[in-house]
Amino acid sequence: MGLNFKIELKDVDESYPEHLSPAEIAVYISEQKAKAFKADDEIVITADTIVALNGEILGKPKDRSHAQEMLAKLSGSKHEVYTGVTLVKGDKMHSFFDRTEVYCKAVTSEEIDFYIDNYHPFDKAGSYGVQDWWGIVVVQRIEGSYTNVMGLPTEKLYRELQEMI
């Protein structure tokens, strides 16, 4: 996008109130991340991505068996990916979200094991990355933003940054 930026990581509690919708969860966690930073003259951008399948939230897998379970659920199904984004500058905070539908073909348990063994998706919501083997082989189509499924809806972010600057 032609922006100069730096990446900073902070440990943030990613738990959320149970009554929130998937979009609200993504925004809530994004805002919790934003609160961990001090934003004076710089713009701070935080984001959180979740996968929702039939009302169930699939976050990052706890371990290999949890990743296998999640990927098996996504096999042959449609799910939604939500990314909440928060922009902070000074005392001004603005949040938004994007939603994308993702359709996956059915895969075997051997293919799921191959994916986990070779791509180690333990830091990804829903246990997969659309930019790697899963996206190339398993994802049949998406409706919405591809970059949202990657974890940051850059086309929407670009518009929101233009309004903030």
N, C-alpha and C. Protein backbone atom coordinates (compact mmCIF):
# COMPACT_ATOMS: atom_id res chain seq x y z
N MET A 1 0.82 -1.20 0.00
CA MET A 1 0.00 0.00 0.00
C MET A 1 0.86 1.26 0.00
N GLY A 2 2.17 1.10 -0.02
CA GLY A 2 3.05 2.25 -0.05
C GLY A 2 3.21 2.93 1.29
N LEU A 3 3.02 2.21 2.36
CA LEU A 3 3.11 2.79 3.70
C LEU A 3 4.41 2.37 4.37
N ASN A 4 4.98 3.28 5.15
CA ASN A 4 6.11 2.93 6.00
C ASN A 4 5.54 2.46 7.33
N PHE A 5 5.97 1.30 7.80
CA PHE A 5 5.42 0.78 9.05
C PHE A 5 6.44 -0.09 9.76
N LYS A 6 6.14 -0.33 11.02
CA LYS A 6 6.92 -1.28 11.81
C LYS A 6 5.94 -2.20 12.51
N ILE A 7 6.39 -3.39 12.81
CA ILE A 7 5.55 -4.39 13.47
C ILE A 7 6.00 -4.52 14.91
N GLU A 8 5.06 -4.41 15.83
CA GLU A 8 5.31 -4.62 17.25
C GLU A 8 4.31 -5.64 17.77
N LEU A 9 4.79 -6.57 18.56
CA LEU A 9 3.92 -7.59 19.13
C LEU A 9 3.79 -7.38 20.63
N LYS A 10 2.59 -7.56 21.13
CA LYS A 10 2.34 -7.48 22.57
C LYS A 10 1.46 -8.66 22.95
N ASP A 11 1.69 -9.20 24.14
CA ASP A 11 0.82 -10.25 24.64
C ASP A 11 -0.48 -9.63 25.13
N VAL A 12 -1.59 -10.12 24.59
CA VAL A 12 -2.90 -9.59 24.94
C VAL A 12 -3.84 -10.78 25.18
N ASP A 13 -4.65 -10.66 26.20
CA ASP A 13 -5.67 -11.67 26.47
C ASP A 13 -6.69 -11.66 25.34
N GLU A 14 -6.85 -12.78 24.65
CA GLU A 14 -7.76 -12.84 23.51
C GLU A 14 -9.10 -13.49 23.86
N SER A 15 -9.43 -13.54 25.15
CA SER A 15 -10.75 -14.05 25.54
C SER A 15 -11.77 -12.94 25.30
N TYR A 16 -13.04 -13.31 25.26
CA TYR A 16 -14.09 -12.36 24.93
C TYR A 16 -15.40 -12.79 25.60
N PRO A 17 -16.32 -11.84 25.79
CA PRO A 17 -17.62 -12.19 26.36
C PRO A 17 -18.38 -13.14 25.43
N GLU A 18 -19.00 -14.14 26.00
CA GLU A 18 -19.66 -15.20 25.22
C GLU A 18 -20.84 -14.73 24.37
N HIS A 19 -21.47 -13.63 24.75
CA HIS A 19 -22.69 -13.20 24.06
C HIS A 19 -22.43 -12.47 22.74
N LEU A 20 -21.17 -12.20 22.39
CA LEU A 20 -20.86 -11.43 21.20
C LEU A 20 -21.04 -12.23 19.91
N SER A 21 -21.41 -11.55 18.84
CA SER A 21 -21.49 -12.16 17.52
C SER A 21 -20.07 -12.32 16.98
N PRO A 22 -19.88 -13.12 15.92
CA PRO A 22 -18.53 -13.26 15.35
C PRO A 22 -17.87 -11.92 14.99
N ALA A 23 -18.62 -11.03 14.36
CA ALA A 23 -18.06 -9.72 14.00
C ALA A 23 -17.68 -8.94 15.26
N GLU A 24 -18.53 -8.99 16.26
CA GLU A 24 -18.25 -8.28 17.51
C GLU A 24 -17.04 -8.86 18.23
N ILE A 25 -16.86 -10.18 18.15
CA ILE A 25 -15.69 -10.82 18.77
C ILE A 25 -14.41 -10.31 18.13
N ALA A 26 -14.38 -10.30 16.79
CA ALA A 26 -13.17 -9.86 16.07
C ALA A 26 -12.84 -8.41 16.42
N VAL A 27 -13.84 -7.55 16.47
CA VAL A 27 -13.62 -6.14 16.80
C VAL A 27 -13.20 -6.00 18.27
N TYR A 28 -13.86 -6.73 19.16
CA TYR A 28 -13.54 -6.66 20.59
C TYR A 28 -12.07 -7.00 20.83
N ILE A 29 -11.60 -8.10 20.25
CA ILE A 29 -10.20 -8.51 20.46
C ILE A 29 -9.25 -7.51 19.82
N SER A 30 -9.60 -7.01 18.64
CA SER A 30 -8.78 -5.99 18.00
C SER A 30 -8.64 -4.75 18.89
N GLU A 31 -9.74 -4.35 19.51
CA GLU A 31 -9.70 -3.19 20.41
C GLU A 31 -8.87 -3.47 21.66
N GLN A 32 -8.94 -4.70 22.17
CA GLN A 32 -8.12 -5.06 23.33
C GLN A 32 -6.64 -4.96 22.97
N LYS A 33 -6.31 -5.41 21.76
CA LYS A 33 -4.92 -5.30 21.30
C LYS A 33 -4.51 -3.83 21.18
N ALA A 34 -5.39 -2.99 20.66
CA ALA A 34 -5.08 -1.57 20.48
C ALA A 34 -4.81 -0.90 21.82
N LYS A 35 -5.53 -1.29 22.85
CA LYS A 35 -5.36 -0.68 24.17
C LYS A 35 -3.99 -0.98 24.78
N ALA A 36 -3.30 -1.97 24.25
CA ALA A 36 -1.97 -2.32 24.75
C ALA A 36 -0.88 -1.38 24.24
N PHE A 37 -1.24 -0.52 23.28
CA PHE A 37 -0.27 0.41 22.68
C PHE A 37 -0.57 1.84 23.06
N LYS A 38 0.46 2.66 23.04
CA LYS A 38 0.30 4.11 23.23
C LYS A 38 0.47 4.73 21.85
N ALA A 39 -0.55 5.43 21.39
CA ALA A 39 -0.52 6.00 20.05
C ALA A 39 -0.58 7.52 20.14
N ASP A 40 0.56 8.16 20.00
CA ASP A 40 0.58 9.62 20.05
C ASP A 40 0.46 10.17 18.62
N ASP A 41 1.59 10.35 17.97
CA ASP A 41 1.58 10.91 16.62
C ASP A 41 1.48 9.85 15.54
N GLU A 42 1.76 8.61 15.89
CA GLU A 42 1.70 7.53 14.91
C GLU A 42 0.31 6.90 14.91
N ILE A 43 -0.04 6.29 13.80
CA ILE A 43 -1.27 5.53 13.74
C ILE A 43 -0.94 4.08 14.10
N VAL A 44 -1.67 3.54 15.04
CA VAL A 44 -1.52 2.14 15.42
C VAL A 44 -2.66 1.36 14.76
N ILE A 45 -2.31 0.24 14.14
CA ILE A 45 -3.29 -0.63 13.50
C ILE A 45 -3.21 -1.99 14.18
N THR A 46 -4.32 -2.45 14.72
CA THR A 46 -4.38 -3.79 15.29
C THR A 46 -5.51 -4.55 14.61
N ALA A 47 -5.40 -5.87 14.61
CA ALA A 47 -6.42 -6.69 13.95
C ALA A 47 -6.52 -8.04 14.62
N ASP A 48 -7.68 -8.65 14.46
CA ASP A 48 -7.87 -10.02 14.91
C ASP A 48 -8.81 -10.72 13.94
N THR A 49 -8.48 -11.94 13.60
CA THR A 49 -9.26 -12.72 12.64
C THR A 49 -9.80 -13.97 13.31
N ILE A 50 -11.07 -14.25 13.06
CA ILE A 50 -11.69 -15.48 13.57
C ILE A 50 -12.42 -16.18 12.43
N VAL A 51 -12.62 -17.46 12.61
CA VAL A 51 -13.38 -18.28 11.67
C VAL A 51 -14.65 -18.72 12.39
N ALA A 52 -15.78 -18.60 11.69
CA ALA A 52 -17.06 -19.03 12.26
C ALA A 52 -17.67 -20.09 11.35
N LEU A 53 -18.04 -21.21 11.94
CA LEU A 53 -18.64 -22.31 11.21
C LEU A 53 -19.94 -22.70 11.90
N ASN A 54 -21.05 -22.41 11.27
CA ASN A 54 -22.36 -22.73 11.84
C ASN A 54 -22.51 -22.23 13.28
N GLY A 55 -22.05 -21.01 13.52
CA GLY A 55 -22.16 -20.42 14.85
C GLY A 55 -21.04 -20.76 15.81
N GLU A 56 -20.18 -21.70 15.45
CA GLU A 56 -19.04 -22.08 16.31
C GLU A 56 -17.83 -21.25 15.92
N ILE A 57 -17.15 -20.68 16.91
CA ILE A 57 -15.95 -19.89 16.67
C ILE A 57 -14.74 -20.81 16.69
N LEU A 58 -13.98 -20.77 15.60
CA LEU A 58 -12.75 -21.56 15.50
C LEU A 58 -11.59 -20.58 15.58
N GLY A 59 -10.96 -20.54 16.71
CA GLY A 59 -9.80 -19.66 16.90
C GLY A 59 -8.53 -20.38 16.48
N LYS A 60 -7.44 -20.09 17.16
CA LYS A 60 -6.18 -20.77 16.89
C LYS A 60 -6.20 -22.12 17.59
N PRO A 61 -5.67 -23.14 16.96
CA PRO A 61 -5.70 -24.48 17.59
C PRO A 61 -4.77 -24.55 18.80
N LYS A 62 -5.21 -25.32 19.79
CA LYS A 62 -4.41 -25.50 21.01
C LYS A 62 -3.26 -26.48 20.78
N ASP A 63 -3.49 -27.47 19.91
CA ASP A 63 -2.49 -28.50 19.65
C ASP A 63 -2.85 -29.21 18.34
N ARG A 64 -2.09 -30.23 18.01
CA ARG A 64 -2.29 -30.95 16.75
C ARG A 64 -3.68 -31.56 16.63
N SER A 65 -4.16 -32.22 17.67
CA SER A 65 -5.47 -32.86 17.57
C SER A 65 -6.58 -31.82 17.42
N HIS A 66 -6.41 -30.67 18.05
CA HIS A 66 -7.38 -29.60 17.90
C HIS A 66 -7.37 -29.07 16.46
N ALA A 67 -6.19 -28.94 15.88
CA ALA A 67 -6.08 -28.52 14.47
C ALA A 67 -6.75 -29.55 13.55
N GLN A 68 -6.50 -30.83 13.81
CA GLN A 68 -7.13 -31.88 13.00
C GLN A 68 -8.66 -31.79 13.09
N GLU A 69 -9.15 -31.58 14.28
CA GLU A 69 -10.59 -31.48 14.51
C GLU A 69 -11.18 -30.29 13.73
N MET A 70 -10.52 -29.14 13.82
CA MET A 70 -11.02 -27.95 13.13
C MET A 70 -11.00 -28.14 11.62
N LEU A 71 -9.91 -28.64 11.09
CA LEU A 71 -9.80 -28.82 9.64
C LEU A 71 -10.80 -29.84 9.14
N ALA A 72 -11.06 -30.86 9.91
CA ALA A 72 -12.08 -31.85 9.53
C ALA A 72 -13.46 -31.20 9.47
N LYS A 73 -13.73 -30.28 10.39
CA LYS A 73 -15.01 -29.57 10.37
C LYS A 73 -15.11 -28.67 9.14
N LEU A 74 -14.01 -28.05 8.74
CA LEU A 74 -14.02 -27.15 7.59
C LEU A 74 -14.10 -27.91 6.27
N SER A 75 -13.66 -29.15 6.27
CA SER A 75 -13.68 -29.98 5.07
C SER A 75 -15.10 -30.10 4.52
N GLY A 76 -15.26 -29.75 3.24
CA GLY A 76 -16.56 -29.90 2.58
C GLY A 76 -17.62 -28.92 3.05
N SER A 77 -17.22 -27.80 3.65
CA SER A 77 -18.21 -26.89 4.20
C SER A 77 -17.96 -25.45 3.76
N LYS A 78 -18.92 -24.60 4.11
CA LYS A 78 -18.79 -23.15 3.95
C LYS A 78 -18.64 -22.55 5.34
N HIS A 79 -17.72 -21.62 5.48
CA HIS A 79 -17.56 -20.91 6.74
C HIS A 79 -17.33 -19.43 6.46
N GLU A 80 -17.36 -18.64 7.53
CA GLU A 80 -17.12 -17.21 7.40
C GLU A 80 -15.83 -16.84 8.14
N VAL A 81 -15.12 -15.89 7.56
CA VAL A 81 -13.93 -15.33 8.19
C VAL A 81 -14.22 -13.87 8.49
N TYR A 82 -14.01 -13.49 9.75
CA TYR A 82 -14.22 -12.11 10.19
C TYR A 82 -12.88 -11.56 10.67
N THR A 83 -12.56 -10.37 10.24
CA THR A 83 -11.40 -9.67 10.77
C THR A 83 -11.87 -8.33 11.32
N GLY A 84 -11.56 -8.10 12.58
CA GLY A 84 -11.80 -6.81 13.20
C GLY A 84 -10.51 -6.02 13.14
N VAL A 85 -10.61 -4.74 12.80
CA VAL A 85 -9.45 -3.87 12.69
C VAL A 85 -9.71 -2.62 13.51
N THR A 86 -8.70 -2.19 14.25
CA THR A 86 -8.80 -0.97 15.04
C THR A 86 -7.66 -0.04 14.66
N LEU A 87 -8.01 1.22 14.42
CA LEU A 87 -7.04 2.27 14.12
C LEU A 87 -7.05 3.24 15.30
N VAL A 88 -5.85 3.58 15.77
CA VAL A 88 -5.74 4.51 16.90
C VAL A 88 -4.71 5.57 16.55
N LYS A 89 -5.07 6.82 16.81
CA LYS A 89 -4.12 7.94 16.71
C LYS A 89 -4.48 8.92 17.81
N GLY A 90 -3.54 9.14 18.71
CA GLY A 90 -3.83 9.99 19.86
C GLY A 90 -4.94 9.38 20.68
N ASP A 91 -5.99 10.15 20.94
CA ASP A 91 -7.12 9.63 21.72
C ASP A 91 -8.27 9.19 20.83
N LYS A 92 -8.03 9.15 19.54
CA LYS A 92 -9.06 8.76 18.58
C LYS A 92 -8.93 7.27 18.22
N MET A 93 -10.02 6.51 18.41
CA MET A 93 -10.03 5.09 18.08
C MET A 93 -11.19 4.82 17.13
N HIS A 94 -10.90 4.09 16.07
CA HIS A 94 -11.93 3.74 15.09
C HIS A 94 -11.78 2.25 14.76
N SER A 95 -12.88 1.51 14.84
CA SER A 95 -12.85 0.07 14.54
C SER A 95 -13.84 -0.26 13.43
N PHE A 96 -13.53 -1.31 12.69
CA PHE A 96 -14.42 -1.82 11.65
C PHE A 96 -14.12 -3.30 11.48
N PHE A 97 -14.95 -3.97 10.68
CA PHE A 97 -14.69 -5.39 10.41
C PHE A 97 -15.00 -5.69 8.95
N ASP A 98 -14.52 -6.84 8.51
CA ASP A 98 -14.87 -7.36 7.20
C ASP A 98 -15.25 -8.82 7.36
N ARG A 99 -16.07 -9.30 6.44
CA ARG A 99 -16.56 -10.68 6.47
C ARG A 99 -16.41 -11.29 5.08
N THR A 100 -15.90 -12.51 5.03
CA THR A 100 -15.73 -13.24 3.78
C THR A 100 -16.24 -14.66 3.95
N GLU A 101 -16.98 -15.15 2.96
CA GLU A 101 -17.42 -16.54 2.96
C GLU A 101 -16.38 -17.38 2.23
N VAL A 102 -16.04 -18.54 2.81
CA VAL A 102 -15.03 -19.43 2.23
C VAL A 102 -15.66 -20.81 2.07
N TYR A 103 -15.51 -21.38 0.88
CA TYR A 103 -16.04 -22.70 0.56
C TYR A 103 -14.88 -23.66 0.37
N CYS A 104 -14.90 -24.76 1.14
CA CYS A 104 -13.82 -25.75 1.07
C CYS A 104 -14.34 -27.06 0.51
N LYS A 105 -13.50 -27.72 -0.30
CA LYS A 105 -13.84 -29.06 -0.76
C LYS A 105 -13.57 -30.06 0.35
N ALA A 106 -14.10 -31.23 0.22
CA ALA A 106 -13.85 -32.29 1.21
C ALA A 106 -12.42 -32.80 1.06
N VAL A 107 -11.78 -33.04 2.19
CA VAL A 107 -10.43 -33.59 2.20
C VAL A 107 -10.38 -34.80 3.12
N THR A 108 -9.37 -35.62 2.92
CA THR A 108 -9.19 -36.82 3.74
C THR A 108 -8.39 -36.50 5.00
N SER A 109 -8.42 -37.42 5.94
CA SER A 109 -7.62 -37.23 7.16
C SER A 109 -6.13 -37.25 6.82
N GLU A 110 -5.74 -37.99 5.78
CA GLU A 110 -4.34 -38.01 5.35
C GLU A 110 -3.93 -36.63 4.81
N GLU A 111 -4.83 -35.99 4.07
CA GLU A 111 -4.53 -34.64 3.56
C GLU A 111 -4.45 -33.64 4.71
N ILE A 112 -5.30 -33.78 5.69
CA ILE A 112 -5.25 -32.90 6.86
C ILE A 112 -3.92 -33.09 7.58
N ASP A 113 -3.50 -34.33 7.78
CA ASP A 113 -2.22 -34.59 8.44
C ASP A 113 -1.05 -34.04 7.62
N PHE A 114 -1.10 -34.22 6.29
CA PHE A 114 -0.07 -33.66 5.43
C PHE A 114 0.02 -32.15 5.62
N TYR A 115 -1.14 -31.50 5.64
CA TYR A 115 -1.17 -30.05 5.79
C TYR A 115 -0.56 -29.63 7.13
N ILE A 116 -0.98 -30.26 8.19
CA ILE A 116 -0.46 -29.90 9.52
C ILE A 116 1.04 -30.15 9.60
N ASP A 117 1.49 -31.30 9.10
CA ASP A 117 2.92 -31.65 9.15
C ASP A 117 3.79 -30.67 8.36
N ASN A 118 3.29 -30.19 7.24
CA ASN A 118 4.10 -29.37 6.36
C ASN A 118 3.89 -27.87 6.51
N TYR A 119 2.77 -27.45 7.05
CA TYR A 119 2.47 -26.01 7.13
C TYR A 119 2.26 -25.49 8.55
N HIS A 120 2.22 -26.37 9.54
CA HIS A 120 2.20 -25.99 10.96
C HIS A 120 1.27 -24.80 11.23
N PRO A 121 -0.03 -24.96 11.04
CA PRO A 121 -0.96 -23.83 11.13
C PRO A 121 -1.42 -23.49 12.55
N PHE A 122 -0.54 -23.59 13.51
CA PHE A 122 -0.93 -23.43 14.91
C PHE A 122 -1.14 -21.98 15.34
N ASP A 123 -0.75 -21.04 14.50
CA ASP A 123 -0.94 -19.62 14.83
C ASP A 123 -2.03 -18.99 13.98
N LYS A 124 -2.88 -19.82 13.37
CA LYS A 124 -3.89 -19.32 12.45
C LYS A 124 -5.30 -19.67 12.90
N ALA A 125 -6.19 -18.70 12.79
CA ALA A 125 -7.60 -18.95 13.09
C ALA A 125 -8.12 -20.02 12.16
N GLY A 126 -8.85 -20.97 12.70
CA GLY A 126 -9.39 -22.06 11.90
C GLY A 126 -8.36 -23.08 11.48
N SER A 127 -7.12 -22.91 11.88
CA SER A 127 -6.01 -23.84 11.60
C SER A 127 -5.57 -23.86 10.15
N TYR A 128 -5.83 -22.78 9.40
CA TYR A 128 -5.34 -22.79 8.03
C TYR A 128 -4.96 -21.38 7.56
N GLY A 129 -4.12 -21.36 6.53
CA GLY A 129 -3.76 -20.13 5.85
C GLY A 129 -4.23 -20.21 4.41
N VAL A 130 -5.01 -19.25 3.97
CA VAL A 130 -5.53 -19.26 2.60
C VAL A 130 -4.39 -19.04 1.59
N GLN A 131 -3.28 -18.48 2.03
CA GLN A 131 -2.16 -18.20 1.14
C GLN A 131 -1.23 -19.40 0.94
N ASP A 132 -1.50 -20.51 1.62
CA ASP A 132 -0.62 -21.67 1.47
C ASP A 132 -1.38 -22.85 0.85
N TRP A 133 -0.91 -24.07 1.09
CA TRP A 133 -1.46 -25.28 0.47
C TRP A 133 -2.98 -25.37 0.63
N TRP A 134 -3.49 -25.07 1.81
CA TRP A 134 -4.92 -25.18 2.06
C TRP A 134 -5.70 -24.29 1.08
N GLY A 135 -5.24 -23.07 0.92
CA GLY A 135 -5.91 -22.15 0.01
C GLY A 135 -5.77 -22.55 -1.45
N ILE A 136 -4.65 -23.12 -1.80
CA ILE A 136 -4.39 -23.51 -3.19
C ILE A 136 -5.14 -24.78 -3.56
N VAL A 137 -5.23 -25.73 -2.63
CA VAL A 137 -5.79 -27.05 -2.93
C VAL A 137 -7.22 -27.23 -2.42
N VAL A 138 -7.54 -26.70 -1.25
CA VAL A 138 -8.80 -27.01 -0.58
C VAL A 138 -9.88 -25.94 -0.81
N VAL A 139 -9.49 -24.68 -0.77
CA VAL A 139 -10.49 -23.61 -0.93
C VAL A 139 -10.97 -23.59 -2.38
N GLN A 140 -12.28 -23.80 -2.55
CA GLN A 140 -12.86 -23.82 -3.89
C GLN A 140 -13.20 -22.42 -4.37
N ARG A 141 -13.72 -21.60 -3.47
CA ARG A 141 -14.03 -20.22 -3.83
C ARG A 141 -14.24 -19.40 -2.57
N ILE A 142 -14.13 -18.10 -2.75
CA ILE A 142 -14.45 -17.19 -1.66
C ILE A 142 -15.40 -16.13 -2.19
N GLU A 143 -16.20 -15.61 -1.30
CA GLU A 143 -17.08 -14.49 -1.62
C GLU A 143 -16.72 -13.38 -0.65
N GLY A 144 -16.02 -12.38 -1.16
CA GLY A 144 -15.55 -11.28 -0.34
C GLY A 144 -14.06 -11.09 -0.53
N SER A 145 -13.44 -10.52 0.46
CA SER A 145 -12.04 -10.13 0.39
C SER A 145 -11.08 -11.28 0.67
N TYR A 146 -10.18 -11.52 -0.28
CA TYR A 146 -9.12 -12.51 -0.09
C TYR A 146 -8.18 -12.07 1.04
N THR A 147 -7.83 -10.78 1.06
CA THR A 147 -6.89 -10.32 2.09
C THR A 147 -7.51 -10.39 3.48
N ASN A 148 -8.84 -10.31 3.56
CA ASN A 148 -9.51 -10.50 4.84
C ASN A 148 -9.25 -11.91 5.36
N VAL A 149 -9.32 -12.90 4.49
CA VAL A 149 -9.08 -14.29 4.91
C VAL A 149 -7.62 -14.47 5.32
N MET A 150 -6.71 -13.70 4.72
CA MET A 150 -5.30 -13.73 5.13
C MET A 150 -5.09 -13.10 6.50
N GLY A 151 -6.03 -12.24 6.93
CA GLY A 151 -5.93 -11.67 8.27
C GLY A 151 -5.94 -10.16 8.34
N LEU A 152 -6.00 -9.48 7.18
CA LEU A 152 -6.07 -8.02 7.19
C LEU A 152 -6.72 -7.56 5.89
N PRO A 153 -7.95 -7.05 5.96
CA PRO A 153 -8.64 -6.62 4.73
C PRO A 153 -8.04 -5.31 4.22
N THR A 154 -6.96 -5.43 3.46
CA THR A 154 -6.16 -4.26 3.09
C THR A 154 -6.92 -3.26 2.24
N GLU A 155 -7.81 -3.70 1.38
CA GLU A 155 -8.54 -2.75 0.55
C GLU A 155 -9.46 -1.87 1.40
N LYS A 156 -10.07 -2.45 2.41
CA LYS A 156 -10.92 -1.68 3.34
C LYS A 156 -10.05 -0.83 4.26
N LEU A 157 -8.94 -1.39 4.73
CA LEU A 157 -8.01 -0.65 5.58
C LEU A 157 -7.50 0.60 4.87
N TYR A 158 -7.16 0.47 3.61
CA TYR A 158 -6.65 1.60 2.84
C TYR A 158 -7.66 2.75 2.83
N ARG A 159 -8.92 2.44 2.57
CA ARG A 159 -9.99 3.47 2.57
C ARG A 159 -10.11 4.11 3.95
N GLU A 160 -10.11 3.29 4.99
CA GLU A 160 -10.28 3.81 6.35
C GLU A 160 -9.09 4.70 6.76
N LEU A 161 -7.87 4.32 6.34
CA LEU A 161 -6.71 5.14 6.64
C LEU A 161 -6.78 6.48 5.92
N GLN A 162 -7.26 6.49 4.68
CA GLN A 162 -7.40 7.73 3.94
C GLN A 162 -8.33 8.70 4.67
N GLU A 163 -9.39 8.16 5.25
CA GLU A 163 -10.34 9.00 5.99
C GLU A 163 -9.73 9.52 7.29
N MET A 164 -8.83 8.74 7.90
CA MET A 164 -8.26 9.13 9.17
C MET A 164 -7.15 10.18 9.01
N ILE A 165 -6.44 10.10 7.89
CA ILE A 165 -5.26 10.98 7.70
C ILE A 165 -5.67 12.36 7.34
